[in-house]
Protein backbone atom coordinates (compact mmCIF):
# COMPACT_ATOMS: atom_id res chain seq x y z
CA MET A 1 16.63 8.11 52.58
CA PHE A 2 18.64 10.13 50.04
CA ILE A 3 19.40 6.95 48.05
CA GLN A 4 15.71 6.02 47.79
CA LEU A 5 14.79 9.47 46.47
CA PHE A 6 17.47 9.22 43.78
CA LYS A 7 16.15 5.84 42.60
CA PHE A 8 12.66 7.18 41.92
CA THR A 9 13.83 10.04 39.73
CA ALA A 10 16.15 7.83 37.65
CA VAL A 11 13.51 5.20 36.83
CA ALA A 12 10.73 7.46 35.57
CA THR A 13 12.33 8.64 32.30
CA LYS A 14 10.81 6.32 29.68
CA GLY A 15 7.49 8.12 29.30
CA THR A 16 6.49 11.74 28.84
CA SER A 17 9.97 13.25 28.88
CA SER A 18 11.15 10.84 26.16
CA PHE A 19 8.27 11.72 23.82
CA GLY A 20 9.34 15.36 23.81
CA LYS A 21 12.62 14.47 22.08
CA ARG A 22 10.94 12.97 19.00
CA ARG A 23 11.41 15.52 16.24
CA ASN A 24 13.24 13.65 13.46
CA LYS A 25 11.26 11.99 10.68
CA THR A 26 12.32 8.46 9.79
CA HIS A 27 9.74 7.93 7.04
CA THR A 28 8.65 10.11 4.12
CA LEU A 29 6.27 9.71 1.16
CA CYS A 30 6.92 6.80 -1.19
CA ARG A 31 7.00 7.41 -4.96
CA ARG A 32 5.25 4.17 -5.85
CA CYS A 33 2.53 3.60 -3.24
CA GLY A 34 2.11 7.19 -2.01
CA ARG A 35 2.13 6.24 1.66
CA SER A 36 4.41 7.78 4.27
CA SER A 37 6.36 4.53 4.62
CA TYR A 38 9.61 5.24 2.75
CA HIS A 39 12.48 4.94 5.26
CA ILE A 40 14.98 7.71 4.52
CA GLN A 41 18.14 6.02 5.88
CA LYS A 42 17.30 2.53 4.58
CA SER A 43 16.09 3.94 1.23
CA GLN A 44 13.31 1.37 1.22
CA CYS A 45 9.54 1.53 1.54
CA ALA A 46 8.02 -0.48 4.40
CA GLN A 47 4.67 -0.77 2.60
CA CYS A 48 5.42 -1.69 -1.03
CA GLY A 49 9.15 -2.54 -0.90
CA TYR A 50 10.25 0.20 -3.35
CA PRO A 51 12.87 0.30 -5.00
CA SER A 52 12.44 -3.48 -5.36
CA LYS A 53 10.98 -4.44 -8.74
CA LYS A 54 8.29 -6.64 -7.19
CA MET A 55 5.57 -5.34 -4.88
CA ARG A 56 5.93 -6.37 -1.25
CA SER A 57 3.30 -8.94 -0.21
CA TYR A 58 3.24 -11.83 2.23
CA ASN A 59 0.91 -14.80 2.62
CA TRP A 60 0.73 -14.33 6.39
CA SER A 61 -1.43 -11.26 5.77
CA ILE A 62 -4.21 -12.27 3.39
CA LYS A 63 -6.25 -9.17 4.24
CA ALA A 64 -3.40 -6.87 3.17
CA LYS A 65 -3.14 -8.72 -0.16
CA ARG A 66 -6.90 -8.34 -0.63
CA ARG A 67 -6.67 -4.57 -0.11
CA LYS A 68 -3.91 -4.08 -2.68
CA THR A 69 -4.89 -6.60 -5.39
CA THR A 70 -6.10 -5.96 -8.96
CA GLY A 71 -9.61 -4.53 -9.01
CA THR A 72 -9.28 -2.31 -5.94
CA GLY A 73 -8.14 0.70 -7.97
CA ARG A 74 -9.21 2.39 -11.21
CA MET A 75 -7.95 -0.31 -13.61
CA ARG A 76 -7.61 2.31 -16.39
CA HIS A 77 -6.24 -0.20 -18.90
CA LEU A 78 -7.64 -3.53 -17.71
CA LYS A 79 -11.29 -2.49 -17.79
CA ILE A 80 -10.91 -1.62 -21.50
CA VAL A 81 -9.14 -4.93 -22.23
CA ARG A 82 -11.92 -6.83 -20.43
CA ARG A 83 -14.57 -5.15 -22.60
CA LYS A 84 -12.61 -5.87 -25.80
CA PHE A 85 -12.16 -9.52 -24.78
CA LYS A 86 -15.91 -9.88 -24.29
CA ASN A 87 -16.46 -8.75 -27.90
CA GLY A 88 -13.68 -10.88 -29.38
CA PHE A 89 -11.16 -8.04 -29.98
CA ARG A 90 -12.93 -6.87 -33.17
CA GLU A 91 -11.67 -3.62 -34.72
CA GLY A 92 -13.09 -1.71 -37.67
CA LEU A 93 -16.05 -4.09 -38.06
CA PRO A 94 -19.70 -3.38 -37.41
CA LYS A 95 -21.45 -5.04 -34.52
CA PRO A 96 -22.63 -8.52 -35.65
CA LYS A 97 -26.39 -8.82 -36.06
CA THR A 98 -28.18 -11.18 -33.69
CA LEU A 99 -31.18 -13.31 -34.56
CA LYS A 100 -34.44 -12.27 -32.91
CA ALA A 101 -36.08 -14.94 -30.79
CA THR A 102 -39.49 -16.00 -32.15
CA ASN A 103 -42.26 -17.05 -29.78
């Protein structure tokens, strides 16, 4: 009977008592993506792959690529380039006059 009692106490240690020992942070904020995915010991971000030059992305997660692609942020520079492209990159010239449609 003493052996059976000992077995029960030894088995039940993977749950609540183990969670109380978690007080060390493995991840901190990443410089590039801003998420708390930068692994301190590995010195690598799990989200964007920093310090790698290329952004981390995989074809097995198309949704993740869709969330991070061009056009999901502010596009501070690209929205200006798009507007200039539409007008033919003219600088220092007046707007060309258009012919009025006659009915």
